[in-house]
């Protein structure tokens, strides 16, 4: 019986340590943003496709990007990118699964330097 209790405690401690380490390792820096021109023009402006990759082994939700100065002539999909002041909420706040990405497009004269501001990390 004592061995069973010890095993349970070891598993519990390992689980708590593992979750804590994951949350410490994961941050907005694990949100990798890539952009490229699609080759399409919208109102004579080049269209860009943005891909945001969650390079973390945990879920990241409520991802916000710095959108200060962001402009586009293309109609934005509010589910993918919702602007509020100088911030944009990505993916309607839903969690990005580990090592997967969400993408959106915009059209403007120049590429906009999106930067992650915040996210909520959830490790299972």
PDB file of N, CA and C in Angstrom:
ATOM      1  N   UNK A   1       0.823  -1.190   0.000  1.00  0.00           N
ATOM      2  CA  UNK A   1       0.000   0.000   0.000  1.00  0.00           C
ATOM      3  C   UNK A   1       0.870   1.257   0.000  1.00  0.00           C
ATOM      4  N   UNK A   2       1.962   1.222   0.802  1.00  0.00           N
ATOM      5  CA  UNK A   2       2.861   2.376   0.882  1.00  0.00           C
ATOM      6  C   UNK A   2       3.506   2.647  -0.475  1.00  0.00           C
ATOM      7  N   UNK A   3       3.850   1.604  -1.190  1.00  0.00           N
ATOM      8  CA  UNK A   3       4.460   1.771  -2.514  1.00  0.00           C
ATOM      9  C   UNK A   3       3.465   2.429  -3.479  1.00  0.00           C
ATOM     10  N   UNK A   4       2.207   2.069  -3.374  1.00  0.00           N
ATOM     11  CA  UNK A   4       1.171   2.657  -4.227  1.00  0.00           C
ATOM     12  C   UNK A   4       1.003   4.147  -3.930  1.00  0.00           C
ATOM     13  N   UNK A   5       1.011   4.505  -2.659  1.00  0.00           N
ATOM     14  CA  UNK A   5       0.884   5.910  -2.259  1.00  0.00           C
ATOM     15  C   UNK A   5       2.101   6.698  -2.748  1.00  0.00           C
ATOM     16  N   UNK A   6       3.313   6.128  -2.568  1.00  0.00           N
ATOM     17  CA  UNK A   6       4.527   6.794  -3.043  1.00  0.00           C
ATOM     18  C   UNK A   6       4.477   6.995  -4.566  1.00  0.00           C
ATOM     19  N   UNK A   7       4.049   5.988  -5.282  1.00  0.00           N
ATOM     20  CA  UNK A   7       3.950   6.092  -6.738  1.00  0.00           C
ATOM     21  C   UNK A   7       2.976   7.194  -7.140  1.00  0.00           C
ATOM     22  N   UNK A   8       1.847   7.254  -6.458  1.00  0.00           N
ATOM     23  CA  UNK A   8       0.858   8.292  -6.743  1.00  0.00           C
ATOM     24  C   UNK A   8       1.437   9.677  -6.494  1.00  0.00           C
ATOM     25  N   UNK A   9       2.160   9.844  -5.385  1.00  0.00           N
ATOM     26  CA  UNK A   9       2.754  11.142  -5.052  1.00  0.00           C
ATOM     27  C   UNK A   9       3.805  11.524  -6.093  1.00  0.00           C
ATOM     28  N   UNK A  10       4.630  10.587  -6.502  1.00  0.00           N
ATOM     29  CA  UNK A  10       5.653  10.861  -7.519  1.00  0.00           C
ATOM     30  C   UNK A  10       4.995  11.287  -8.831  1.00  0.00           C
ATOM     31  N   UNK A  11       3.969  10.595  -9.238  1.00  0.00           N
ATOM     32  CA  UNK A  11       3.265  10.946 -10.481  1.00  0.00           C
ATOM     33  C   UNK A  11       2.626  12.316 -10.360  1.00  0.00           C
ATOM     34  N   UNK A  12       2.006  12.588  -9.225  1.00  0.00           N
ATOM     35  CA  UNK A  12       1.380  13.895  -9.007  1.00  0.00           C
ATOM     36  C   UNK A  12       2.418  15.015  -9.056  1.00  0.00           C
ATOM     37  N   UNK A  13       3.532  14.837  -8.358  1.00  0.00           N
ATOM     38  CA  UNK A  13       4.590  15.852  -8.365  1.00  0.00           C
ATOM     39  C   UNK A  13       5.159  16.055  -9.762  1.00  0.00           C
ATOM     40  N   UNK A  14       5.406  14.974 -10.479  1.00  0.00           N
ATOM     41  CA  UNK A  14       5.920  15.086 -11.844  1.00  0.00           C
ATOM     42  C   UNK A  14       4.939  15.846 -12.732  1.00  0.00           C
ATOM     43  N   UNK A  15       3.672  15.556 -12.571  1.00  0.00           N
ATOM     44  CA  UNK A  15       2.639  16.242 -13.355  1.00  0.00           C
ATOM     45  C   UNK A  15       2.630  17.738 -13.064  1.00  0.00           C
ATOM     46  N   UNK A  16       2.708  18.115 -11.796  1.00  0.00           N
ATOM     47  CA  UNK A  16       2.711  19.533 -11.428  1.00  0.00           C
ATOM     48  C   UNK A  16       3.975  20.234 -11.920  1.00  0.00           C
ATOM     49  N   UNK A  17       5.113  19.570 -11.771  1.00  0.00           N
ATOM     50  CA  UNK A  17       6.374  20.159 -12.247  1.00  0.00           C
ATOM     51  C   UNK A  17       6.341  20.315 -13.751  1.00  0.00           C
ATOM     52  N   UNK A  18       5.884  19.293 -14.448  1.00  0.00           N
ATOM     53  CA  UNK A  18       5.824  19.333 -15.908  1.00  0.00           C
ATOM     54  C   UNK A  18       4.929  20.468 -16.387  1.00  0.00           C
ATOM     55  N   UNK A  19       3.765  20.648 -15.761  1.00  0.00           N
ATOM     56  CA  UNK A  19       2.858  21.722 -16.149  1.00  0.00           C
ATOM     57  C   UNK A  19       3.489  23.069 -15.877  1.00  0.00           C
ATOM     58  N   UNK A  20       4.120  23.212 -14.724  1.00  0.00           N
ATOM     59  CA  UNK A  20       4.779  24.477 -14.397  1.00  0.00           C
ATOM     60  C   UNK A  20       5.902  24.792 -15.355  1.00  0.00           C
ATOM     61  N   UNK A  21       6.684  23.793 -15.734  1.00  0.00           N
ATOM     62  CA  UNK A  21       7.778  24.014 -16.676  1.00  0.00           C
ATOM     63  C   UNK A  21       7.238  24.414 -18.032  1.00  0.00           C
ATOM     64  N   UNK A  22       6.169  23.798 -18.445  1.00  0.00           N
ATOM     65  CA  UNK A  22       5.589  24.130 -19.741  1.00  0.00           C
ATOM     66  C   UNK A  22       5.132  25.577 -19.751  1.00  0.00           C
ATOM     67  N   UNK A  23       4.451  25.998 -18.688  1.00  0.00           N
ATOM     68  CA  UNK A  23       3.956  27.358 -18.642  1.00  0.00           C
ATOM     69  C   UNK A  23       5.107  28.352 -18.582  1.00  0.00           C
ATOM     70  N   UNK A  24       6.211  27.983 -17.909  1.00  0.00           N
ATOM     71  CA  UNK A  24       7.357  28.874 -17.861  1.00  0.00           C
ATOM     72  C   UNK A  24       8.041  28.951 -19.214  1.00  0.00           C
ATOM     73  N   UNK A  25       8.086  27.858 -19.938  1.00  0.00           N
ATOM     74  CA  UNK A  25       8.750  27.828 -21.235  1.00  0.00           C
ATOM     75  C   UNK A  25       7.940  28.567 -22.287  1.00  0.00           C
ATOM     76  N   UNK A  26       6.645  28.547 -22.174  1.00  0.00           N
ATOM     77  CA  UNK A  26       5.786  29.107 -23.205  1.00  0.00           C
ATOM     78  C   UNK A  26       5.459  30.562 -22.906  1.00  0.00           C
ATOM     79  N   UNK A  27       5.552  31.364 -23.945  1.00  0.00           N
ATOM     80  CA  UNK A  27       5.259  32.786 -23.818  1.00  0.00           C
ATOM     81  C   UNK A  27       4.937  33.330 -25.204  1.00  0.00           C
ATOM     82  N   UNK A  28       4.684  34.609 -25.248  1.00  0.00           N
ATOM     83  CA  UNK A  28       4.371  35.217 -26.546  1.00  0.00           C
ATOM     84  C   UNK A  28       5.531  35.076 -27.525  1.00  0.00           C
ATOM     85  N   UNK A  29       6.743  34.892 -27.020  1.00  0.00           N
ATOM     86  CA  UNK A  29       7.884  34.708 -27.909  1.00  0.00           C
ATOM     87  C   UNK A  29       7.742  33.419 -28.727  1.00  0.00           C
ATOM     88  N   UNK A  30       6.909  32.491 -28.246  1.00  0.00           N
ATOM     89  CA  UNK A  30       6.663  31.240 -28.974  1.00  0.00           C
ATOM     90  C   UNK A  30       5.624  31.400 -30.077  1.00  0.00           C
ATOM     91  N   UNK A  31       5.099  32.595 -30.237  1.00  0.00           N
ATOM     92  CA  UNK A  31       4.187  32.880 -31.341  1.00  0.00           C
ATOM     93  C   UNK A  31       5.013  33.465 -32.485  1.00  0.00           C
ATOM     94  N   UNK A  32       5.244  32.662 -33.487  1.00  0.00           N
ATOM     95  CA  UNK A  32       6.089  33.070 -34.607  1.00  0.00           C
ATOM     96  C   UNK A  32       5.221  33.603 -35.738  1.00  0.00           C
ATOM     97  N   UNK A  33       5.567  34.790 -36.199  1.00  0.00           N
ATOM     98  CA  UNK A  33       4.773  35.439 -37.247  1.00  0.00           C
ATOM     99  C   UNK A  33       5.583  35.512 -38.534  1.00  0.00           C
ATOM    100  N   UNK A  34       4.992  34.980 -39.602  1.00  0.00           N
ATOM    101  CA  UNK A  34       5.599  35.037 -40.939  1.00  0.00           C
ATOM    102  C   UNK A  34       4.625  35.724 -41.871  1.00  0.00           C
ATOM    103  N   UNK A  35       5.166  36.471 -42.815  1.00  0.00           N
ATOM    104  CA  UNK A  35       4.329  37.147 -43.804  1.00  0.00           C
ATOM    105  C   UNK A  35       4.941  36.972 -45.179  1.00  0.00           C
ATOM    106  N   UNK A  36       4.049  36.970 -46.162  1.00  0.00           N
ATOM    107  CA  UNK A  36       4.513  36.961 -47.550  1.00  0.00           C
ATOM    108  C   UNK A  36       3.431  37.544 -48.437  1.00  0.00           C
ATOM    109  N   UNK A  37       3.870  38.104 -49.538  1.00  0.00           N
ATOM    110  CA  UNK A  37       2.913  38.627 -50.509  1.00  0.00           C
ATOM    111  C   UNK A  37       2.227  37.455 -51.197  1.00  0.00           C
ATOM    112  N   UNK A  38       0.929  37.613 -51.433  1.00  0.00           N
ATOM    113  CA  UNK A  38       0.179  36.550 -52.106  1.00  0.00           C
ATOM    114  C   UNK A  38       0.267  36.665 -53.622  1.00  0.00           C
ATOM    115  N   UNK A  39       0.650  37.839 -54.110  1.00  0.00           N
ATOM    116  CA  UNK A  39       0.670  38.086 -55.548  1.00  0.00           C
ATOM    117  C   UNK A  39      -0.603  38.741 -56.040  1.00  0.00           C
ATOM    118  N   UNK A  40      -1.582  38.867 -55.166  1.00  0.00           N
ATOM    119  CA  UNK A  40      -2.866  39.472 -55.503  1.00  0.00           C
ATOM    120  C   UNK A  40      -2.827  40.960 -55.163  1.00  0.00           C
ATOM    121  N   UNK A  41      -3.536  41.763 -55.955  1.00  0.00           N
ATOM    122  CA  UNK A  41      -3.695  43.185 -55.667  1.00  0.00           C
ATOM    123  C   UNK A  41      -5.138  43.451 -55.261  1.00  0.00           C
ATOM    124  N   UNK A  42      -5.313  44.261 -54.232  1.00  0.00           N
ATOM    125  CA  UNK A  42      -6.630  44.671 -53.767  1.00  0.00           C
ATOM    126  C   UNK A  42      -6.622  46.194 -53.763  1.00  0.00           C
ATOM    127  N   UNK A  43      -7.454  46.783 -54.594  1.00  0.00           N
ATOM    128  CA  UNK A  43      -7.480  48.237 -54.751  1.00  0.00           C
ATOM    129  C   UNK A  43      -6.071  48.778 -55.006  1.00  0.00           C
ATOM    130  N   UNK A  44      -5.360  48.111 -55.883  1.00  0.00           N
ATOM    131  CA  UNK A  44      -4.009  48.474 -56.328  1.00  0.00           C
ATOM    132  C   UNK A  44      -2.955  48.369 -55.218  1.00  0.00           C
ATOM    133  N   UNK A  45      -3.276  47.655 -54.156  1.00  0.00           N
ATOM    134  CA  UNK A  45      -2.319  47.449 -53.068  1.00  0.00           C
ATOM    135  C   UNK A  45      -2.012  45.954 -52.949  1.00  0.00           C
ATOM    136  N   UNK A  46      -0.751  45.617 -52.672  1.00  0.00           N
ATOM    137  CA  UNK A  46      -0.406  44.196 -52.563  1.00  0.00           C
ATOM    138  C   UNK A  46      -1.061  43.550 -51.344  1.00  0.00           C
ATOM    139  N   UNK A  47      -1.461  42.308 -51.533  1.00  0.00           N
ATOM    140  CA  UNK A  47      -2.058  41.545 -50.438  1.00  0.00           C
ATOM    141  C   UNK A  47      -0.964  40.732 -49.751  1.00  0.00           C
ATOM    142  N   UNK A  48      -1.026  40.685 -48.434  1.00  0.00           N
ATOM    143  CA  UNK A  48      -0.083  39.917 -47.630  1.00  0.00           C
ATOM    144  C   UNK A  48      -0.830  38.827 -46.872  1.00  0.00           C
ATOM    145  N   UNK A  49      -0.225  37.667 -46.797  1.00  0.00           N
ATOM    146  CA  UNK A  49      -0.766  36.594 -45.958  1.00  0.00           C
ATOM    147  C   UNK A  49       0.111  36.508 -44.714  1.00  0.00           C
ATOM    148  N   UNK A  50      -0.544  36.519 -43.571  1.00  0.00           N
ATOM    149  CA  UNK A  50       0.149  36.434 -42.284  1.00  0.00           C
ATOM    150  C   UNK A  50      -0.158  35.073 -41.680  1.00  0.00           C
ATOM    151  N   UNK A  51       0.880  34.411 -41.217  1.00  0.00           N
ATOM    152  CA  UNK A  51       0.721  33.132 -40.524  1.00  0.00           C
ATOM    153  C   UNK A  51       1.302  33.273 -39.123  1.00  0.00           C
ATOM    154  N   UNK A  52       0.472  32.932 -38.129  1.00  0.00           N
ATOM    155  CA  UNK A  52       0.918  32.970 -36.736  1.00  0.00           C
ATOM    156  C   UNK A  52       0.990  31.528 -36.243  1.00  0.00           C
ATOM    157  N   UNK A  53       2.193  31.088 -35.937  1.00  0.00           N
ATOM    158  CA  UNK A  53       2.449  29.718 -35.508  1.00  0.00           C
ATOM    159  C   UNK A  53       2.634  29.675 -33.999  1.00  0.00           C
ATOM    160  N   UNK A  54       1.953  28.746 -33.331  1.00  0.00           N
ATOM    161  CA  UNK A  54       2.176  28.488 -31.920  1.00  0.00           C
ATOM    162  C   UNK A  54       3.289  27.445 -31.820  1.00  0.00           C
ATOM    163  N   UNK A  55       4.511  27.893 -31.565  1.00  0.00           N
ATOM    164  CA  UNK A  55       5.665  27.005 -31.491  1.00  0.00           C
ATOM    165  C   UNK A  55       5.900  26.517 -30.065  1.00  0.00           C
ATOM    166  N   UNK A  56       4.843  26.392 -29.317  1.00  0.00           N
ATOM    167  CA  UNK A  56       4.885  25.986 -27.913  1.00  0.00           C
ATOM    168  C   UNK A  56       4.178  24.639 -27.772  1.00  0.00           C
ATOM    169  N   UNK A  57       4.623  23.776 -26.856  1.00  0.00           N
ATOM    170  CA  UNK A  57       3.942  22.493 -26.669  1.00  0.00           C
ATOM    171  C   UNK A  57       2.629  22.601 -25.894  1.00  0.00           C
ATOM    172  N   UNK A  58       2.225  23.823 -25.559  1.00  0.00           N
ATOM    173  CA  UNK A  58       0.974  24.055 -24.842  1.00  0.00           C
ATOM    174  C   UNK A  58       0.023  24.876 -25.709  1.00  0.00           C
ATOM    175  N   UNK A  59      -1.228  24.915 -25.302  1.00  0.00           N
ATOM    176  CA  UNK A  59      -2.217  25.760 -25.976  1.00  0.00           C
ATOM    177  C   UNK A  59      -1.939  27.227 -25.645  1.00  0.00           C
ATOM    178  N   UNK A  60      -2.222  28.107 -26.595  1.00  0.00           N
ATOM    179  CA  UNK A  60      -2.151  29.545 -26.331  1.00  0.00           C
ATOM    180  C   UNK A  60      -3.441  30.172 -26.842  1.00  0.00           C
ATOM    181  N   UNK A  61      -4.148  30.841 -25.946  1.00  0.00           N
ATOM    182  CA  UNK A  61      -5.417  31.470 -26.303  1.00  0.00           C
ATOM    183  C   UNK A  61      -5.417  32.948 -25.972  1.00  0.00           C
ATOM    184  N   UNK A  62      -6.469  33.617 -26.387  1.00  0.00           N
ATOM    185  CA  UNK A  62      -6.582  35.068 -26.207  1.00  0.00           C
ATOM    186  C   UNK A  62      -5.316  35.778 -26.668  1.00  0.00           C
ATOM    187  N   UNK A  63      -4.843  35.373 -27.834  1.00  0.00           N
ATOM    188  CA  UNK A  63      -3.621  35.954 -28.387  1.00  0.00           C
ATOM    189  C   UNK A  63      -3.933  37.348 -28.914  1.00  0.00           C
ATOM    190  N   UNK A  64      -3.158  38.324 -28.429  1.00  0.00           N
ATOM    191  CA  UNK A  64      -3.312  39.680 -28.940  1.00  0.00           C
ATOM    192  C   UNK A  64      -2.026  40.096 -29.637  1.00  0.00           C
ATOM    193  N   UNK A  65      -2.200  40.853 -30.715  1.00  0.00           N
ATOM    194  CA  UNK A  65      -1.082  41.378 -31.498  1.00  0.00           C
ATOM    195  C   UNK A  65      -1.085  42.888 -31.411  1.00  0.00           C
ATOM    196  N   UNK A  66       0.090  43.477 -31.527  1.00  0.00           N
ATOM    197  CA  UNK A  66       0.209  44.927 -31.594  1.00  0.00           C
ATOM    198  C   UNK A  66      -0.238  45.362 -32.986  1.00  0.00           C
ATOM    199  N   UNK A  67      -1.299  46.144 -33.043  1.00  0.00           N
ATOM    200  CA  UNK A  67      -1.843  46.614 -34.326  1.00  0.00           C
ATOM    201  C   UNK A  67      -1.809  48.134 -34.416  1.00  0.00           C
ATOM    202  N   UNK A  68      -0.955  48.768 -33.623  1.00  0.00           N
ATOM    203  CA  UNK A  68      -0.844  50.217 -33.627  1.00  0.00           C
ATOM    204  C   UNK A  68      -0.348  50.691 -34.999  1.00  0.00           C
ATOM    205  N   UNK A  69      -1.223  51.380 -35.729  1.00  0.00           N
ATOM    206  CA  UNK A  69      -0.885  51.873 -37.058  1.00  0.00           C
ATOM    207  C   UNK A  69      -1.263  50.935 -38.197  1.00  0.00           C
ATOM    208  N   UNK A  70      -1.823  49.788 -37.870  1.00  0.00           N
ATOM    209  CA  UNK A  70      -2.206  48.819 -38.910  1.00  0.00           C
ATOM    210  C   UNK A  70      -3.321  49.373 -39.781  1.00  0.00           C
ATOM    211  N   UNK A  71      -3.160  49.206 -41.101  1.00  0.00           N
ATOM    212  CA  UNK A  71      -4.171  49.631 -42.054  1.00  0.00           C
ATOM    213  C   UNK A  71      -4.326  48.567 -43.125  1.00  0.00           C
ATOM    214  N   UNK A  72      -5.528  48.493 -43.671  1.00  0.00           N
ATOM    215  CA  UNK A  72      -5.794  47.578 -44.775  1.00  0.00           C
ATOM    216  C   UNK A  72      -6.977  48.099 -45.573  1.00  0.00           C
ATOM    217  N   UNK A  73      -6.962  47.813 -46.870  1.00  0.00           N
ATOM    218  CA  UNK A  73      -8.115  48.151 -47.708  1.00  0.00           C
ATOM    219  C   UNK A  73      -8.995  46.926 -47.900  1.00  0.00           C
ATOM    220  N   UNK A  74      -8.531  45.797 -47.425  1.00  0.00           N
ATOM    221  CA  UNK A  74      -9.271  44.545 -47.556  1.00  0.00           C
ATOM    222  C   UNK A  74     -10.220  44.388 -46.374  1.00  0.00           C
ATOM    223  N   UNK A  75     -11.377  43.847 -46.609  1.00  0.00           N
ATOM    224  CA  UNK A  75     -12.343  43.611 -45.538  1.00  0.00           C
ATOM    225  C   UNK A  75     -11.762  42.553 -44.607  1.00  0.00           C
ATOM    226  N   UNK A  76     -11.698  42.889 -43.332  1.00  0.00           N
ATOM    227  CA  UNK A  76     -11.140  41.973 -42.333  1.00  0.00           C
ATOM    228  C   UNK A  76     -12.203  40.979 -41.867  1.00  0.00           C
ATOM    229  N   UNK A  77     -11.773  39.763 -41.620  1.00  0.00           N
ATOM    230  CA  UNK A  77     -12.634  38.750 -41.035  1.00  0.00           C
ATOM    231  C   UNK A  77     -12.492  38.873 -39.516  1.00  0.00           C
ATOM    232  N   UNK A  78     -13.521  39.380 -38.814  1.00  0.00           N
ATOM    233  CA  UNK A  78     -13.396  39.604 -37.367  1.00  0.00           C
ATOM    234  C   UNK A  78     -13.193  38.322 -36.563  1.00  0.00           C
ATOM    235  N   UNK A  79     -13.491  37.180 -37.132  1.00  0.00           N
ATOM    236  CA  UNK A  79     -13.255  35.922 -36.419  1.00  0.00           C
ATOM    237  C   UNK A  79     -11.754  35.632 -36.388  1.00  0.00           C
ATOM    238  N   UNK A  80     -11.061  35.981 -37.459  1.00  0.00           N
ATOM    239  CA  UNK A  80      -9.625  35.723 -37.546  1.00  0.00           C
ATOM    240  C   UNK A  80      -8.806  36.826 -36.890  1.00  0.00           C
ATOM    241  N   UNK A  81      -9.186  38.086 -37.156  1.00  0.00           N
ATOM    242  CA  UNK A  81      -8.445  39.223 -36.617  1.00  0.00           C
ATOM    243  C   UNK A  81      -9.435  40.325 -36.266  1.00  0.00           C
ATOM    244  N   UNK A  82      -9.587  40.588 -34.984  1.00  0.00           N
ATOM    245  CA  UNK A  82     -10.538  41.597 -34.511  1.00  0.00           C
ATOM    246  C   UNK A  82      -9.769  42.747 -33.878  1.00  0.00           C
ATOM    247  N   UNK A  83      -9.888  43.920 -34.497  1.00  0.00           N
ATOM    248  CA  UNK A  83      -9.186  45.098 -33.996  1.00  0.00           C
ATOM    249  C   UNK A  83      -9.975  45.788 -32.899  1.00  0.00           C
ATOM    250  N   UNK A  84      -9.250  46.219 -31.870  1.00  0.00           N
ATOM    251  CA  UNK A  84      -9.823  47.013 -30.787  1.00  0.00           C
ATOM    252  C   UNK A  84      -8.739  47.985 -30.339  1.00  0.00           C
ATOM    253  N   UNK A  85      -8.862  49.228 -30.783  1.00  0.00           N
ATOM    254  CA  UNK A  85      -7.825  50.208 -30.481  1.00  0.00           C
ATOM    255  C   UNK A  85      -6.531  49.842 -31.176  1.00  0.00           C
ATOM    256  N   UNK A  86      -5.449  49.760 -30.411  1.00  0.00           N
ATOM    257  CA  UNK A  86      -4.131  49.435 -30.967  1.00  0.00           C
ATOM    258  C   UNK A  86      -3.796  47.953 -30.872  1.00  0.00           C
ATOM    259  N   UNK A  87      -4.773  47.132 -30.465  1.00  0.00           N
ATOM    260  CA  UNK A  87      -4.555  45.699 -30.332  1.00  0.00           C
ATOM    261  C   UNK A  87      -5.500  44.936 -31.252  1.00  0.00           C
ATOM    262  N   UNK A  88      -5.062  43.742 -31.637  1.00  0.00           N
ATOM    263  CA  UNK A  88      -5.901  42.849 -32.432  1.00  0.00           C
ATOM    264  C   UNK A  88      -5.993  41.512 -31.718  1.00  0.00           C
ATOM    265  N   UNK A  89      -7.198  40.979 -31.611  1.00  0.00           N
ATOM    266  CA  UNK A  89      -7.428  39.657 -31.047  1.00  0.00           C
ATOM    267  C   UNK A  89      -7.387  38.648 -32.183  1.00  0.00           C
ATOM    268  N   UNK A  90      -6.580  37.642 -32.028  1.00  0.00           N
ATOM    269  CA  UNK A  90      -6.390  36.629 -33.065  1.00  0.00           C
ATOM    270  C   UNK A  90      -7.313  35.438 -32.834  1.00  0.00           C
ATOM    271  N   UNK A  91      -7.885  34.924 -33.900  1.00  0.00           N
ATOM    272  CA  UNK A  91      -8.630  33.662 -33.861  1.00  0.00           C
ATOM    273  C   UNK A  91      -9.809  33.709 -32.889  1.00  0.00           C
ATOM    274  N   UNK A  92     -10.431  34.875 -32.778  1.00  0.00           N
ATOM    275  CA  UNK A  92     -11.596  35.057 -31.904  1.00  0.00           C
ATOM    276  C   UNK A  92     -11.305  34.687 -30.453  1.00  0.00           C
ATOM    277  N   UNK A  93     -10.035  34.736 -30.070  1.00  0.00           N
ATOM    278  CA  UNK A  93      -9.636  34.390 -28.708  1.00  0.00           C
ATOM    279  C   UNK A  93      -9.481  32.901 -28.462  1.00  0.00           C
ATOM    280  N   UNK A  94      -9.838  32.078 -29.448  1.00  0.00           N
ATOM    281  CA  UNK A  94      -9.742  30.621 -29.276  1.00  0.00           C
ATOM    282  C   UNK A  94      -8.281  30.187 -29.147  1.00  0.00           C
ATOM    283  N   UNK A  95      -8.101  29.023 -28.546  1.00  0.00           N
ATOM    284  CA  UNK A  95      -6.754  28.496 -28.354  1.00  0.00           C
ATOM    285  C   UNK A  95      -6.140  28.062 -29.669  1.00  0.00           C
ATOM    286  N   UNK A  96      -4.865  28.401 -29.829  1.00  0.00           N
ATOM    287  CA  UNK A  96      -4.061  27.856 -30.920  1.00  0.00           C
ATOM    288  C   UNK A  96      -3.429  26.590 -30.372  1.00  0.00           C
ATOM    289  N   UNK A  97      -3.601  25.502 -31.068  1.00  0.00           N
ATOM    290  CA  UNK A  97      -3.048  24.238 -30.605  1.00  0.00           C
ATOM    291  C   UNK A  97      -1.539  24.225 -30.844  1.00  0.00           C
ATOM    292  N   UNK A  98      -0.825  23.390 -30.105  1.00  0.00           N
ATOM    293  CA  UNK A  98       0.624  23.339 -30.248  1.00  0.00           C
ATOM    294  C   UNK A  98       1.063  23.037 -31.685  1.00  0.00           C
ATOM    295  N   UNK A  99       2.018  23.815 -32.157  1.00  0.00           N
ATOM    296  CA  UNK A  99       2.675  23.644 -33.445  1.00  0.00           C
ATOM    297  C   UNK A  99       1.721  23.762 -34.632  1.00  0.00           C
ATOM    298  N   UNK A 100       0.625  24.481 -34.438  1.00  0.00           N
ATOM    299  CA  UNK A 100      -0.301  24.779 -35.528  1.00  0.00           C
ATOM    300  C   UNK A 100      -0.375  26.285 -35.694  1.00  0.00           C
ATOM    301  N   UNK A 101      -0.962  26.689 -36.822  1.00  0.00           N
ATOM    302  CA  UNK A 101      -0.997  28.111 -37.124  1.00  0.00           C
ATOM    303  C   UNK A 101      -2.380  28.570 -37.548  1.00  0.00           C
ATOM    304  N   UNK A 102      -2.567  29.873 -37.451  1.00  0.00           N
ATOM    305  CA  UNK A 102      -3.771  30.520 -37.950  1.00  0.00           C
ATOM    306  C   UNK A 102      -3.276  31.587 -38.928  1.00  0.00           C
ATOM    307  N   UNK A 103      -4.045  31.825 -39.976  1.00  0.00           N
ATOM    308  CA  UNK A 103      -3.597  32.817 -40.940  1.00  0.00           C
ATOM    309  C   UNK A 103      -4.705  33.789 -41.300  1.00  0.00           C
ATOM    310  N   UNK A 104      -4.291  34.940 -41.801  1.00  0.00           N
ATOM    311  CA  UNK A 104      -5.210  35.963 -42.268  1.00  0.00           C
ATOM    312  C   UNK A 104      -4.506  36.777 -43.347  1.00  0.00           C
ATOM    313  N   UNK A 105      -5.279  37.550 -44.093  1.00  0.00           N
ATOM    314  CA  UNK A 105      -4.725  38.381 -45.155  1.00  0.00           C
ATOM    315  C   UNK A 105      -5.109  39.838 -44.934  1.00  0.00           C
ATOM    316  N   UNK A 106      -4.302  40.718 -45.496  1.00  0.00           N
ATOM    317  CA  UNK A 106      -4.599  42.146 -45.519  1.00  0.00           C
ATOM    318  C   UNK A 106      -3.923  42.743 -46.747  1.00  0.00           C
ATOM    319  N   UNK A 107      -4.347  43.920 -47.135  1.00  0.00           N
ATOM    320  CA  UNK A 107      -3.757  44.587 -48.298  1.00  0.00           C
ATOM    321  C   UNK A 107      -3.421  46.027 -47.931  1.00  0.00           C
ATOM    322  N   UNK A 108      -2.155  46.360 -48.138  1.00  0.00           N
ATOM    323  CA  UNK A 108      -1.683  47.717 -47.881  1.00  0.00           C
ATOM    324  C   UNK A 108      -0.398  47.942 -48.655  1.00  0.00           C
ATOM    325  N   UNK A 109       0.073  49.181 -48.670  1.00  0.00           N
ATOM    326  CA  UNK A 109       1.264  49.522 -49.445  1.00  0.00           C
ATOM    327  C   UNK A 109       2.502  48.760 -48.987  1.00  0.00           C
ATOM    328  N   UNK A 110       2.639  48.588 -47.683  1.00  0.00           N
ATOM    329  CA  UNK A 110       3.817  47.929 -47.132  1.00  0.00           C
ATOM    330  C   UNK A 110       3.403  46.864 -46.119  1.00  0.00           C
ATOM    331  N   UNK A 111       4.329  45.974 -45.854  1.00  0.00           N
ATOM    332  CA  UNK A 111       4.114  44.924 -44.853  1.00  0.00           C
ATOM    333  C   UNK A 111       4.052  45.557 -43.465  1.00  0.00           C
ATOM    334  N   UNK A 112       3.090  45.121 -42.661  1.00  0.00           N
ATOM    335  CA  UNK A 112       2.953  45.644 -41.305  1.00  0.00           C
ATOM    336  C   UNK A 112       3.720  44.745 -40.330  1.00  0.00           C
ATOM    337  N   UNK A 113       4.478  45.337 -39.391  1.00  0.00           N
ATOM    338  CA  UNK A 113       5.273  44.528 -38.454  1.00  0.00           C
ATOM    339  C   UNK A 113       4.461  44.050 -37.238  1.00  0.00           C
ATOM    340  N   UNK A 114       3.611  43.043 -37.433  1.00  0.00           N
ATOM    341  CA  UNK A 114       2.835  42.509 -36.314  1.00  0.00           C
ATOM    342  C   UNK A 114       3.773  41.931 -35.250  1.00  0.00           C
ATOM    343  N   UNK A 115       3.418  42.189 -33.989  1.00  0.00           N
ATOM    344  CA  UNK A 115       4.176  41.626 -32.867  1.00  0.00           C
ATOM    345  C   UNK A 115       3.189  41.101 -31.833  1.00  0.00           C
ATOM    346  N   UNK A 116       3.460  39.912 -31.270  1.00  0.00           N
ATOM    347  CA  UNK A 116       2.597  39.392 -30.209  1.00  0.00           C
ATOM    348  C   UNK A 116       2.712  40.264 -28.957  1.00  0.00           C
ATOM    349  N   UNK A 117       1.562  40.529 -28.342  1.00  0.00           N
ATOM    350  CA  UNK A 117       1.541  41.292 -27.093  1.00  0.00           C
ATOM    351  C   UNK A 117       1.308  40.402 -25.889  1.00  0.00           C
ATOM    352  N   UNK A 118       0.308  39.509 -26.017  1.00  0.00           N
ATOM    353  CA  UNK A 118      -0.021  38.650 -24.865  1.00  0.00           C
ATOM    354  C   UNK A 118      -0.754  37.407 -25.313  1.00  0.00           C
ATOM    355  N   UNK A 119      -0.797  36.431 -24.419  1.00  0.00           N
ATOM    356  CA  UNK A 119      -1.566  35.208 -24.636  1.00  0.00           C
ATOM    357  C   UNK A 119      -1.753  34.524 -23.291  1.00  0.00           C
ATOM    358  N   UNK A 120      -2.725  33.630 -23.232  1.00  0.00           N
ATOM    359  CA  UNK A 120      -2.942  32.781 -22.065  1.00  0.00           C
ATOM    360  C   UNK A 120      -2.455  31.388 -22.417  1.00  0.00           C
ATOM    361  N   UNK A 121      -1.560  30.872 -21.615  1.00  0.00           N
ATOM    362  CA  UNK A 121      -0.986  29.544 -21.862  1.00  0.00           C
ATOM    363  C   UNK A 121      -1.720  28.513 -21.030  1.00  0.00           C
ATOM    364  N   UNK A 122      -2.050  27.402 -21.668  1.00  0.00           N
ATOM    365  CA  UNK A 122      -2.728  26.306 -20.965  1.00  0.00           C
ATOM    366  C   UNK A 122      -2.030  25.001 -21.315  1.00  0.00           C
ATOM    367  N   UNK A 123      -1.477  24.370 -20.289  1.00  0.00           N
ATOM    368  CA  UNK A 123      -0.806  23.077 -20.480  1.00  0.00           C
ATOM    369  C   UNK A 123      -1.662  21.987 -19.858  1.00  0.00           C
ATOM    370  N   UNK A 124      -1.791  20.898 -20.562  1.00  0.00           N
ATOM    371  CA  UNK A 124      -2.551  19.759 -20.031  1.00  0.00           C
ATOM    372  C   UNK A 124      -1.618  18.698 -19.497  1.00  0.00           C
TER     373      UNK A 124
END
